[in-house]
Each structure stands twice: as structure tokens, then as C-alpha cells.
PDB file of N, CA and C in Angstrom:
ATOM      1  N   MET A   1      49.554 -20.726   7.177  1.00  0.00           N
ATOM      2  CA  MET A   1      49.340 -19.349   7.596  1.00  0.00           C
ATOM      3  C   MET A   1      49.858 -19.180   9.010  1.00  0.00           C
ATOM      4  N   SER A   2      50.385 -18.030   9.252  1.00  0.00           N
ATOM      5  CA  SER A   2      50.935 -17.753  10.587  1.00  0.00           C
ATOM      6  C   SER A   2      49.837 -17.241  11.496  1.00  0.00           C
ATOM      7  N   PRO A   3      50.036 -17.289  12.791  1.00  0.00           N
ATOM      8  CA  PRO A   3      49.040 -16.806  13.728  1.00  0.00           C
ATOM      9  C   PRO A   3      48.731 -15.318  13.533  1.00  0.00           C
ATOM     10  N   ALA A   4      49.735 -14.537  13.094  1.00  0.00           N
ATOM     11  CA  ALA A   4      49.524 -13.110  12.887  1.00  0.00           C
ATOM     12  C   ALA A   4      48.572 -12.858  11.724  1.00  0.00           C
ATOM     13  N   ALA A   5      48.666 -13.679  10.694  1.00  0.00           N
ATOM     14  CA  ALA A   5      47.795 -13.529   9.546  1.00  0.00           C
ATOM     15  C   ALA A   5      46.337 -13.902   9.931  1.00  0.00           C
ATOM     16  N   ASP A   6      46.148 -14.910  10.755  1.00  0.00           N
ATOM     17  CA  ASP A   6      44.806 -15.292  11.197  1.00  0.00           C
ATOM     18  C   ASP A   6      44.178 -14.148  12.032  1.00  0.00           C
ATOM     19  N   GLY A   7      44.966 -13.464  12.833  1.00  0.00           N
ATOM     20  CA  GLY A   7      44.471 -12.335  13.637  1.00  0.00           C
ATOM     21  C   GLY A   7      44.060 -11.168  12.738  1.00  0.00           C
ATOM     22  N   GLY A   8      44.770 -10.948  11.662  1.00  0.00           N
ATOM     23  CA  GLY A   8      44.425  -9.871  10.730  1.00  0.00           C
ATOM     24  C   GLY A   8      43.129 -10.136  10.001  1.00  0.00           C
ATOM     25  N   VAL A   9      42.890 -11.375   9.603  1.00  0.00           N
ATOM     26  CA  VAL A   9      41.666 -11.758   8.930  1.00  0.00           C
ATOM     27  C   VAL A   9      40.484 -11.587   9.899  1.00  0.00           C
ATOM     28  N   MET A  10      40.661 -11.997  11.148  1.00  0.00           N
ATOM     29  CA  MET A  10      39.610 -11.873  12.137  1.00  0.00           C
ATOM     30  C   MET A  10      39.306 -10.397  12.416  1.00  0.00           C
ATOM     31  N   ALA A  11      40.327  -9.545  12.401  1.00  0.00           N
ATOM     32  CA  ALA A  11      40.121  -8.123  12.659  1.00  0.00           C
ATOM     33  C   ALA A  11      39.260  -7.518  11.542  1.00  0.00           C
ATOM     34  N   VAL A  12      39.514  -7.929  10.305  1.00  0.00           N
ATOM     35  CA  VAL A  12      38.745  -7.411   9.166  1.00  0.00           C
ATOM     36  C   VAL A  12      37.294  -7.894   9.273  1.00  0.00           C
ATOM     37  N   ILE A  13      37.100  -9.159   9.637  1.00  0.00           N
ATOM     38  CA  ILE A  13      35.735  -9.669   9.773  1.00  0.00           C
ATOM     39  C   ILE A  13      34.987  -8.958  10.878  1.00  0.00           C
ATOM     40  N   VAL A  14      35.639  -8.698  11.973  1.00  0.00           N
ATOM     41  CA  VAL A  14      35.034  -8.030  13.126  1.00  0.00           C
ATOM     42  C   VAL A  14      34.685  -6.578  12.744  1.00  0.00           C
ATOM     43  N   GLN A  15      35.481  -5.932  11.891  1.00  0.00           N
ATOM     44  CA  GLN A  15      35.186  -4.550  11.461  1.00  0.00           C
ATOM     45  C   GLN A  15      33.950  -4.511  10.560  1.00  0.00           C
ATOM     46  N   PHE A  16      33.759  -5.484   9.697  1.00  0.00           N
ATOM     47  CA  PHE A  16      32.636  -5.490   8.749  1.00  0.00           C
ATOM     48  C   PHE A  16      31.375  -6.079   9.364  1.00  0.00           C
ATOM     49  N   LEU A  17      31.459  -6.759  10.493  1.00  0.00           N
ATOM     50  CA  LEU A  17      30.306  -7.357  11.101  1.00  0.00           C
ATOM     51  C   LEU A  17      29.220  -6.342  11.489  1.00  0.00           C
ATOM     52  N   PRO A  18      29.525  -5.169  12.096  1.00  0.00           N
ATOM     53  CA  PRO A  18      28.457  -4.191  12.386  1.00  0.00           C
ATOM     54  C   PRO A  18      27.778  -3.652  11.122  1.00  0.00           C
ATOM     55  N   ILE A  19      28.529  -3.432  10.054  1.00  0.00           N
ATOM     56  CA  ILE A  19      27.983  -2.921   8.800  1.00  0.00           C
ATOM     57  C   ILE A  19      27.020  -3.952   8.219  1.00  0.00           C
ATOM     58  N   LEU A  20      27.409  -5.210   8.258  1.00  0.00           N
ATOM     59  CA  LEU A  20      26.546  -6.286   7.776  1.00  0.00           C
ATOM     60  C   LEU A  20      25.267  -6.352   8.638  1.00  0.00           C
ATOM     61  N   ALA A  21      25.399  -6.211   9.946  1.00  0.00           N
ATOM     62  CA  ALA A  21      24.261  -6.244  10.854  1.00  0.00           C
ATOM     63  C   ALA A  21      23.290  -5.096  10.537  1.00  0.00           C
ATOM     64  N   ILE A  22      23.822  -3.929  10.205  1.00  0.00           N
ATOM     65  CA  ILE A  22      22.997  -2.772   9.868  1.00  0.00           C
ATOM     66  C   ILE A  22      22.200  -3.028   8.602  1.00  0.00           C
ATOM     67  N   PHE A  23      22.853  -3.605   7.582  1.00  0.00           N
ATOM     68  CA  PHE A  23      22.141  -3.932   6.335  1.00  0.00           C
ATOM     69  C   PHE A  23      21.038  -4.948   6.563  1.00  0.00           C
ATOM     70  N   ILE A  24      21.298  -5.939   7.368  1.00  0.00           N
ATOM     71  CA  ILE A  24      20.281  -6.964   7.675  1.00  0.00           C
ATOM     72  C   ILE A  24      19.104  -6.308   8.412  1.00  0.00           C
ATOM     73  N   LEU A  25      19.416  -5.431   9.355  1.00  0.00           N
ATOM     74  CA  LEU A  25      18.376  -4.722  10.110  1.00  0.00           C
ATOM     75  C   LEU A  25      17.531  -3.840   9.198  1.00  0.00           C
ATOM     76  N   PHE A  26      18.175  -3.084   8.309  1.00  0.00           N
ATOM     77  CA  PHE A  26      17.431  -2.266   7.349  1.00  0.00           C
ATOM     78  C   PHE A  26      16.517  -3.126   6.487  1.00  0.00           C
ATOM     79  N   TYR A  27      17.015  -4.259   6.054  1.00  0.00           N
ATOM     80  CA  TYR A  27      16.184  -5.124   5.202  1.00  0.00           C
ATOM     81  C   TYR A  27      14.917  -5.538   5.914  1.00  0.00           C
ATOM     82  N   PHE A  28      15.048  -6.032   7.141  1.00  0.00           N
ATOM     83  CA  PHE A  28      13.884  -6.579   7.852  1.00  0.00           C
ATOM     84  C   PHE A  28      12.973  -5.487   8.384  1.00  0.00           C
ATOM     85  N   LEU A  29      13.487  -4.312   8.691  1.00  0.00           N
ATOM     86  CA  LEU A  29      12.659  -3.255   9.243  1.00  0.00           C
ATOM     87  C   LEU A  29      12.111  -2.240   8.228  1.00  0.00           C
ATOM     88  N   LEU A  30      12.777  -2.077   7.096  1.00  0.00           N
ATOM     89  CA  LEU A  30      12.369  -1.076   6.137  1.00  0.00           C
ATOM     90  C   LEU A  30      12.016  -1.643   4.766  1.00  0.00           C
ATOM     91  N   ILE A  31      12.920  -2.365   4.183  1.00  0.00           N
ATOM     92  CA  ILE A  31      12.764  -2.800   2.788  1.00  0.00           C
ATOM     93  C   ILE A  31      11.702  -3.864   2.646  1.00  0.00           C
ATOM     94  N   ARG A  32      11.760  -4.914   3.438  1.00  0.00           N
ATOM     95  CA  ARG A  32      10.807  -6.008   3.341  1.00  0.00           C
ATOM     96  C   ARG A  32       9.346  -5.589   3.585  1.00  0.00           C
ATOM     97  N   PRO A  33       9.068  -4.813   4.667  1.00  0.00           N
ATOM     98  CA  PRO A  33       7.675  -4.378   4.861  1.00  0.00           C
ATOM     99  C   PRO A  33       7.162  -3.486   3.724  1.00  0.00           C
ATOM    100  N   GLN A  34       8.034  -2.630   3.174  1.00  0.00           N
ATOM    101  CA  GLN A  34       7.625  -1.759   2.097  1.00  0.00           C
ATOM    102  C   GLN A  34       7.303  -2.585   0.845  1.00  0.00           C
ATOM    103  N   GLN A  35       8.089  -3.615   0.543  1.00  0.00           N
ATOM    104  CA  GLN A  35       7.798  -4.482  -0.598  1.00  0.00           C
ATOM    105  C   GLN A  35       6.504  -5.216  -0.405  1.00  0.00           C
ATOM    106  N   LYS A  36       6.232  -5.658   0.829  1.00  0.00           N
ATOM    107  CA  LYS A  36       4.988  -6.355   1.140  1.00  0.00           C
ATOM    108  C   LYS A  36       3.773  -5.420   0.918  1.00  0.00           C
ATOM    109  N   ARG A  37       3.888  -4.154   1.407  1.00  0.00           N
ATOM    110  CA  ARG A  37       2.795  -3.182   1.217  1.00  0.00           C
ATOM    111  C   ARG A  37       2.564  -2.910  -0.240  1.00  0.00           C
ATOM    112  N   ALA A  38       3.626  -2.742  -1.001  1.00  0.00           N
ATOM    113  CA  ALA A  38       3.502  -2.478  -2.424  1.00  0.00           C
ATOM    114  C   ALA A  38       2.832  -3.629  -3.157  1.00  0.00           C
ATOM    115  N   LYS A  39       3.186  -4.858  -2.790  1.00  0.00           N
ATOM    116  CA  LYS A  39       2.559  -6.013  -3.406  1.00  0.00           C
ATOM    117  C   LYS A  39       1.062  -6.108  -3.068  1.00  0.00           C
ATOM    118  N   GLU A  40       0.707  -5.830  -1.819  1.00  0.00           N
ATOM    119  CA  GLU A  40      -0.695  -5.853  -1.404  1.00  0.00           C
ATOM    120  C   GLU A  40      -1.483  -4.756  -2.156  1.00  0.00           C
ATOM    121  N   HIS A  41      -0.877  -3.562  -2.317  1.00  0.00           N
ATOM    122  CA  HIS A  41      -1.553  -2.484  -3.018  1.00  0.00           C
ATOM    123  C   HIS A  41      -1.762  -2.843  -4.475  1.00  0.00           C
ATOM    124  N   ALA A  42      -0.783  -3.467  -5.094  1.00  0.00           N
ATOM    125  CA  ALA A  42      -0.929  -3.862  -6.505  1.00  0.00           C
ATOM    126  C   ALA A  42      -2.013  -4.909  -6.661  1.00  0.00           C
ATOM    127  N   ASN A  43      -2.117  -5.844  -5.710  1.00  0.00           N
ATOM    128  CA  ASN A  43      -3.173  -6.856  -5.766  1.00  0.00           C
ATOM    129  C   ASN A  43      -4.552  -6.216  -5.554  1.00  0.00           C
ATOM    130  N   THR A  44      -4.638  -5.230  -4.666  1.00  0.00           N
ATOM    131  CA  THR A  44      -5.912  -4.551  -4.409  1.00  0.00           C
ATOM    132  C   THR A  44      -6.352  -3.779  -5.640  1.00  0.00           C
ATOM    133  N   ILE A  45      -5.402  -3.090  -6.267  1.00  0.00           N
ATOM    134  CA  ILE A  45      -5.747  -2.296  -7.452  1.00  0.00           C
ATOM    135  C   ILE A  45      -6.160  -3.224  -8.608  1.00  0.00           C
ATOM    136  N   GLY A  46      -5.510  -4.357  -8.714  1.00  0.00           N
ATOM    137  CA  GLY A  46      -5.844  -5.300  -9.765  1.00  0.00           C
ATOM    138  C   GLY A  46      -7.234  -5.934  -9.577  1.00  0.00           C
ATOM    139  N   ALA A  47      -7.745  -5.899  -8.359  1.00  0.00           N
ATOM    140  CA  ALA A  47      -9.027  -6.519  -8.097  1.00  0.00           C
ATOM    141  C   ALA A  47     -10.192  -5.510  -8.041  1.00  0.00           C
ATOM    142  N   ILE A  48      -9.936  -4.257  -8.446  1.00  0.00           N
ATOM    143  CA  ILE A  48     -11.010  -3.273  -8.450  1.00  0.00           C
ATOM    144  C   ILE A  48     -12.058  -3.663  -9.479  1.00  0.00           C
ATOM    145  N   LYS A  49     -13.320  -3.526  -9.043  1.00  0.00           N
ATOM    146  CA  LYS A  49     -14.417  -3.865  -9.953  1.00  0.00           C
ATOM    147  C   LYS A  49     -15.470  -2.770  -9.846  1.00  0.00           C
ATOM    148  N   ARG A  50     -16.406  -2.808 -10.781  1.00  0.00           N
ATOM    149  CA  ARG A  50     -17.481  -1.837 -10.825  1.00  0.00           C
ATOM    150  C   ARG A  50     -18.310  -1.907  -9.538  1.00  0.00           C
ATOM    151  N   GLY A  51     -18.604  -0.743  -8.953  1.00  0.00           N
ATOM    152  CA  GLY A  51     -19.400  -0.705  -7.747  1.00  0.00           C
ATOM    153  C   GLY A  51     -18.586  -0.572  -6.472  1.00  0.00           C
ATOM    154  N   ASP A  52     -17.265  -0.750  -6.529  1.00  0.00           N
ATOM    155  CA  ASP A  52     -16.412  -0.595  -5.352  1.00  0.00           C
ATOM    156  C   ASP A  52     -16.313   0.853  -4.951  1.00  0.00           C
ATOM    157  N   MET A  53     -16.270   1.102  -3.658  1.00  0.00           N
ATOM    158  CA  MET A  53     -15.994   2.430  -3.130  1.00  0.00           C
ATOM    159  C   MET A  53     -14.485   2.580  -2.977  1.00  0.00           C
ATOM    160  N   VAL A  54     -13.956   3.647  -3.498  1.00  0.00           N
ATOM    161  CA  VAL A  54     -12.477   3.842  -3.460  1.00  0.00           C
ATOM    162  C   VAL A  54     -12.157   5.192  -2.858  1.00  0.00           C
ATOM    163  N   VAL A  55     -10.965   5.277  -2.284  1.00  0.00           N
ATOM    164  CA  VAL A  55     -10.423   6.533  -1.796  1.00  0.00           C
ATOM    165  C   VAL A  55      -9.256   6.844  -2.730  1.00  0.00           C
ATOM    166  N   LEU A  56      -9.279   8.026  -3.327  1.00  0.00           N
ATOM    167  CA  LEU A  56      -8.212   8.428  -4.222  1.00  0.00           C
ATOM    168  C   LEU A  56      -7.059   9.034  -3.428  1.00  0.00           C
ATOM    169  N   SER A  57      -5.911   9.152  -4.035  1.00  0.00           N
ATOM    170  CA  SER A  57      -4.767   9.707  -3.348  1.00  0.00           C
ATOM    171  C   SER A  57      -4.978  11.160  -2.932  1.00  0.00           C
ATOM    172  N   SER A  58      -5.914  11.848  -3.570  1.00  0.00           N
ATOM    173  CA  SER A  58      -6.243  13.227  -3.197  1.00  0.00           C
ATOM    174  C   SER A  58      -7.170  13.309  -1.990  1.00  0.00           C
ATOM    175  N   GLY A  59      -7.717  12.154  -1.571  1.00  0.00           N
ATOM    176  CA  GLY A  59      -8.614  12.115  -0.458  1.00  0.00           C
ATOM    177  C   GLY A  59     -10.080  12.026  -0.860  1.00  0.00           C
ATOM    178  N   MET A  60     -10.357  12.149  -2.123  1.00  0.00           N
ATOM    179  CA  MET A  60     -11.760  12.045  -2.577  1.00  0.00           C
ATOM    180  C   MET A  60     -12.248  10.595  -2.500  1.00  0.00           C
ATOM    181  N   ILE A  61     -13.508  10.446  -2.167  1.00  0.00           N
ATOM    182  CA  ILE A  61     -14.113   9.131  -2.075  1.00  0.00           C
ATOM    183  C   ILE A  61     -15.164   9.057  -3.190  1.00  0.00           C
ATOM    184  N   GLY A  62     -15.180   7.936  -3.869  1.00  0.00           N
ATOM    185  CA  GLY A  62     -16.139   7.774  -4.947  1.00  0.00           C
ATOM    186  C   GLY A  62     -16.457   6.320  -5.232  1.00  0.00           C
ATOM    187  N   LYS A  63     -17.356   6.107  -6.159  1.00  0.00           N
ATOM    188  CA  LYS A  63     -17.797   4.789  -6.552  1.00  0.00           C
ATOM    189  C   LYS A  63     -17.300   4.490  -7.965  1.00  0.00           C
ATOM    190  N   VAL A  64     -16.700   3.338  -8.166  1.00  0.00           N
ATOM    191  CA  VAL A  64     -16.173   2.957  -9.487  1.00  0.00           C
ATOM    192  C   VAL A  64     -17.344   2.633 -10.413  1.00  0.00           C
ATOM    193  N   THR A  65     -17.364   3.320 -11.561  1.00  0.00           N
ATOM    194  CA  THR A  65     -18.423   3.097 -12.530  1.00  0.00           C
ATOM    195  C   THR A  65     -17.935   2.335 -13.749  1.00  0.00           C
ATOM    196  N   ARG A  66     -16.635   2.341 -14.002  1.00  0.00           N
ATOM    197  CA  ARG A  66     -16.086   1.680 -15.190  1.00  0.00           C
ATOM    198  C   ARG A  66     -14.637   1.358 -14.918  1.00  0.00           C
ATOM    199  N   VAL A  67     -14.189   0.191 -15.335  1.00  0.00           N
ATOM    200  CA  VAL A  67     -12.817  -0.234 -15.123  1.00  0.00           C
ATOM    201  C   VAL A  67     -12.179  -0.529 -16.470  1.00  0.00           C
ATOM    202  N   GLU A  68     -11.008   0.063 -16.733  1.00  0.00           N
ATOM    203  CA  GLU A  68     -10.224  -0.203 -17.931  1.00  0.00           C
ATOM    204  C   GLU A  68      -8.878  -0.749 -17.504  1.00  0.00           C
ATOM    205  N   ASP A  69      -7.959  -0.954 -18.452  1.00  0.00           N
ATOM    206  CA  ASP A  69      -6.667  -1.538 -18.110  1.00  0.00           C
ATOM    207  C   ASP A  69      -5.893  -0.694 -17.123  1.00  0.00           C
ATOM    208  N   ALA A  70      -5.689   0.595 -17.424  1.00  0.00           N
ATOM    209  CA  ALA A  70      -4.851   1.444 -16.593  1.00  0.00           C
ATOM    210  C   ALA A  70      -5.638   2.529 -15.892  1.00  0.00           C
ATOM    211  N   GLU A  71      -6.921   2.667 -16.215  1.00  0.00           N
ATOM    212  CA  GLU A  71      -7.730   3.741 -15.626  1.00  0.00           C
ATOM    213  C   GLU A  71      -9.063   3.205 -15.122  1.00  0.00           C
ATOM    214  N   VAL A  72      -9.648   3.990 -14.233  1.00  0.00           N
ATOM    215  CA  VAL A  72     -11.009   3.721 -13.770  1.00  0.00           C
ATOM    216  C   VAL A  72     -11.803   5.003 -13.822  1.00  0.00           C
ATOM    217  N   ASN A  73     -13.102   4.887 -14.056  1.00  0.00           N
ATOM    218  CA  ASN A  73     -14.009   6.030 -13.924  1.00  0.00           C
ATOM    219  C   ASN A  73     -14.593   5.968 -12.538  1.00  0.00           C
ATOM    220  N   VAL A  74     -14.539   7.104 -11.834  1.00  0.00           N
ATOM    221  CA  VAL A  74     -15.042   7.178 -10.469  1.00  0.00           C
ATOM    222  C   VAL A  74     -16.087   8.267 -10.394  1.00  0.00           C
ATOM    223  N   GLU A  75     -17.247   7.907  -9.843  1.00  0.00           N
ATOM    224  CA  GLU A  75     -18.297   8.877  -9.646  1.00  0.00           C
ATOM    225  C   GLU A  75     -18.096   9.514  -8.271  1.00  0.00           C
ATOM    226  N   ILE A  76     -17.726  10.809  -8.241  1.00  0.00           N
ATOM    227  CA  ILE A  76     -17.422  11.487  -6.986  1.00  0.00           C
ATOM    228  C   ILE A  76     -18.611  12.284  -6.462  1.00  0.00           C
ATOM    229  N   ALA A  77     -19.605  12.506  -7.309  1.00  0.00           N
ATOM    230  CA  ALA A  77     -20.858  13.153  -6.947  1.00  0.00           C
ATOM    231  C   ALA A  77     -21.892  12.664  -7.970  1.00  0.00           C
ATOM    232  N   PRO A  78     -23.177  12.846  -7.680  1.00  0.00           N
ATOM    233  CA  PRO A  78     -24.164  12.403  -8.645  1.00  0.00           C
ATOM    234  C   PRO A  78     -23.925  13.009 -10.042  1.00  0.00           C
ATOM    235  N   SER A  79     -23.806  12.172 -11.018  1.00  0.00           N
ATOM    236  CA  SER A  79     -23.542  12.556 -12.415  1.00  0.00           C
ATOM    237  C   SER A  79     -22.211  13.258 -12.656  1.00  0.00           C
ATOM    238  N   VAL A  80     -21.256  13.103 -11.753  1.00  0.00           N
ATOM    239  CA  VAL A  80     -19.911  13.665 -11.947  1.00  0.00           C
ATOM    240  C   VAL A  80     -18.913  12.501 -11.910  1.00  0.00           C
ATOM    241  N   ASN A  81     -18.452  12.137 -13.111  1.00  0.00           N
ATOM    242  CA  ASN A  81     -17.470  11.053 -13.263  1.00  0.00           C
ATOM    243  C   ASN A  81     -16.112  11.634 -13.612  1.00  0.00           C
ATOM    244  N   VAL A  82     -15.069  11.082 -13.013  1.00  0.00           N
ATOM    245  CA  VAL A  82     -13.703  11.475 -13.347  1.00  0.00           C
ATOM    246  C   VAL A  82     -12.933  10.208 -13.736  1.00  0.00           C
ATOM    247  N   ARG A  83     -12.007  10.374 -14.672  1.00  0.00           N
ATOM    248  CA  ARG A  83     -11.121   9.314 -15.048  1.00  0.00           C
ATOM    249  C   ARG A  83      -9.881   9.387 -14.174  1.00  0.00           C
ATOM    250  N   VAL A  84      -9.510   8.281 -13.558  1.00  0.00           N
ATOM    251  CA  VAL A  84      -8.389   8.244 -12.629  1.00  0.00           C
ATOM    252  C   VAL A  84      -7.453   7.101 -13.025  1.00  0.00           C
ATOM    253  N   VAL A  85      -6.143   7.372 -12.953  1.00  0.00           N
ATOM    254  CA  VAL A  85      -5.167   6.328 -13.179  1.00  0.00           C
ATOM    255  C   VAL A  85      -5.248   5.356 -11.984  1.00  0.00           C
ATOM    256  N   LYS A  86      -5.261   4.070 -12.241  1.00  0.00           N
ATOM    257  CA  LYS A  86      -5.421   3.065 -11.168  1.00  0.00           C
ATOM    258  C   LYS A  86      -4.405   3.235 -10.045  1.00  0.00           C
ATOM    259  N   ALA A  87      -3.186   3.633 -10.365  1.00  0.00           N
ATOM    260  CA  ALA A  87      -2.158   3.747  -9.360  1.00  0.00           C
ATOM    261  C   ALA A  87      -2.452   4.837  -8.338  1.00  0.00           C
ATOM    262  N   MET A  88      -3.360   5.755  -8.665  1.00  0.00           N
ATOM    263  CA  MET A  88      -3.713   6.859  -7.760  1.00  0.00           C
ATOM    264  C   MET A  88      -4.845   6.499  -6.800  1.00  0.00           C
ATOM    265  N   VAL A  89      -5.315   5.248  -6.870  1.00  0.00           N
ATOM    266  CA  VAL A  89      -6.314   4.754  -5.906  1.00  0.00           C
ATOM    267  C   VAL A  89      -5.550   4.344  -4.665  1.00  0.00           C
ATOM    268  N   ALA A  90      -5.836   5.005  -3.571  1.00  0.00           N
ATOM    269  CA  ALA A  90      -5.098   4.760  -2.324  1.00  0.00           C
ATOM    270  C   ALA A  90      -5.699   3.578  -1.545  1.00  0.00           C
ATOM    271  N   GLU A  91      -7.020   3.426  -1.609  1.00  0.00           N
ATOM    272  CA  GLU A  91      -7.676   2.406  -0.796  1.00  0.00           C
ATOM    273  C   GLU A  91      -8.957   1.971  -1.450  1.00  0.00           C
ATOM    274  N   VAL A  92      -9.292   0.702  -1.347  1.00  0.00           N
ATOM    275  CA  VAL A  92     -10.576   0.176  -1.828  1.00  0.00           C
ATOM    276  C   VAL A  92     -11.378  -0.183  -0.586  1.00  0.00           C
ATOM    277  N   ARG A  93     -12.532   0.484  -0.444  1.00  0.00           N
ATOM    278  CA  ARG A  93     -13.361   0.228   0.698  1.00  0.00           C
ATOM    279  C   ARG A  93     -14.398  -0.819   0.338  1.00  0.00           C
ATOM    280  N   ASN A  94     -15.017  -1.388   1.353  1.00  0.00           N
ATOM    281  CA  ASN A  94     -16.073  -2.372   1.172  1.00  0.00           C
ATOM    282  C   ASN A  94     -17.255  -1.747   0.420  1.00  0.00           C
ATOM    283  N   ARG A  95     -17.781  -2.446  -0.533  1.00  0.00           N
ATOM    284  CA  ARG A  95     -18.857  -1.859  -1.330  1.00  0.00           C
ATOM    285  C   ARG A  95     -20.141  -1.704  -0.544  1.00  0.00           C
ATOM    286  N   THR A  96     -20.289  -2.386   0.600  1.00  0.00           N
ATOM    287  CA  THR A  96     -21.510  -2.298   1.382  1.00  0.00           C
ATOM    288  C   THR A  96     -21.408  -1.291   2.516  1.00  0.00           C
ATOM    289  N   ALA A  97     -20.285  -0.579   2.567  1.00  0.00           N
ATOM    290  CA  ALA A  97     -20.097   0.399   3.648  1.00  0.00           C
ATOM    291  C   ALA A  97     -21.102   1.541   3.532  1.00  0.00           C
ATOM    292  N   ILE A  98     -21.614   2.004   4.663  1.00  0.00           N
ATOM    293  CA  ILE A  98     -22.574   3.097   4.686  1.00  0.00           C
ATOM    294  C   ILE A  98     -21.901   4.274   5.392  1.00  0.00           C
ATOM    295  N   ALA A  99     -21.990   5.420   4.779  1.00  0.00           N
ATOM    296  CA  ALA A  99     -21.440   6.608   5.432  1.00  0.00           C
ATOM    297  C   ALA A  99     -22.290   6.945   6.647  1.00  0.00           C
ATOM    298  N   ALA A 100     -21.672   7.623   7.618  1.00  0.00           N
ATOM    299  CA  ALA A 100     -22.350   7.925   8.845  1.00  0.00           C
ATOM    300  C   ALA A 100     -23.582   8.799   8.643  1.00  0.00           C
ATOM    301  N   ASN A 101     -23.530   9.763   7.732  1.00  0.00           N
ATOM    302  CA  ASN A 101     -24.677  10.617   7.536  1.00  0.00           C
ATOM    303  C   ASN A 101     -25.746  10.023   6.616  1.00  0.00           C
ATOM    304  N   ASP A 102     -25.458   8.856   6.020  1.00  0.00           N
ATOM    305  CA  ASP A 102     -26.458   8.152   5.185  1.00  0.00           C
ATOM    306  C   ASP A 102     -27.191   7.103   5.986  1.00  0.00           C
ATOM    307  N   ALA A 103     -26.778   6.824   7.217  1.00  0.00           N
ATOM    308  CA  ALA A 103     -27.389   5.801   8.020  1.00  0.00           C
ATOM    309  C   ALA A 103     -28.771   6.209   8.454  1.00  0.00           C
ATOM    310  N   LYS A 104     -29.619   5.226   8.690  1.00  0.00           N
ATOM    311  CA  LYS A 104     -30.991   5.522   9.134  1.00  0.00           C
ATOM    312  C   LYS A 104     -30.952   5.973  10.606  1.00  0.00           C
ATOM    313  N   PRO A 105     -31.747   6.960  10.951  1.00  0.00           N
ATOM    314  CA  PRO A 105     -31.761   7.408  12.349  1.00  0.00           C
ATOM    315  C   PRO A 105     -32.342   6.335  13.259  1.00  0.00           C
ATOM    316  N   LEU A 106     -31.898   6.329  14.497  1.00  0.00           N
ATOM    317  CA  LEU A 106     -32.395   5.371  15.494  1.00  0.00           C
ATOM    318  C   LEU A 106     -33.801   5.716  15.876  1.00  0.00           C
ATOM    319  N   ALA A 107     -34.610   4.706  16.152  1.00  0.00           N
ATOM    320  CA  ALA A 107     -35.998   4.923  16.562  1.00  0.00           C
ATOM    321  C   ALA A 107     -36.012   5.504  17.980  1.00  0.00           C
ATOM    322  N   LYS A 108     -36.867   6.507  18.211  1.00  0.00           N
ATOM    323  CA  LYS A 108     -36.984   7.095  19.515  1.00  0.00           C
ATOM    324  C   LYS A 108     -37.894   6.210  20.358  1.00  0.00           C
ATOM    325  N   SER A 109     -37.545   6.099  21.631  1.00  0.00           N
ATOM    326  CA  SER A 109     -38.373   5.253  22.510  1.00  0.00           C
ATOM    327  C   SER A 109     -39.157   6.079  23.468  1.00  0.00           C
TER     328      SER A 109
END
């Protein structure tokens, strides 16, 4: 190969290097974290059990009363149960969590 041909190959490599760097940056800053979040969400949904407090994608908070393969029954008010697709559960809260207005009042001194 002649020296001119080596310079042409290097010019092509130098032109594609910024594009390659952008793809690598997108992978580590956008794609990889999103895949990690999706995997954690799938594991969380798979571990839902009766008695867990959940937050639905609509913002409603309820207690899981029944778990099926693709759906869960959530009690959103006393004696009000709704069937929800598992994928619409946004968050699973700790089952021992106490809402602020349900907490016992502090003793007066």
C-alpha cells in the first residue's frame, strides 16, 4: 500500500470516530440505565404478594388482596377491590409502612 492510501484509511477512521463515540455515550447514559430499571421493575412485579402496599400507575395506593398470573386484585378502599394488570403497578411499598394520618398521636407532656 502506498502512503497516500494509508492516509485515506486514517481519514475515514477519524471521520467515524465521533459517531462511534456518540453511540457509546448513548449506550452508557441512556440505554443501559433504562434496561436496568426495566429489569428491576420486572423483578419487583414478579415478587408481589398478598398484603403488599402498591402504587398504581394512576397514582392510587392500595393493598394487594389476590395475586394471579397477569393480574392482581387491589383494595383501594374498604370493600372496594379492583383488578389491575401487573404491569400497571408502578411501585411496591413496604407492607409495614404507616400512612402519616394513621399514625398514633404523640403523648402530650
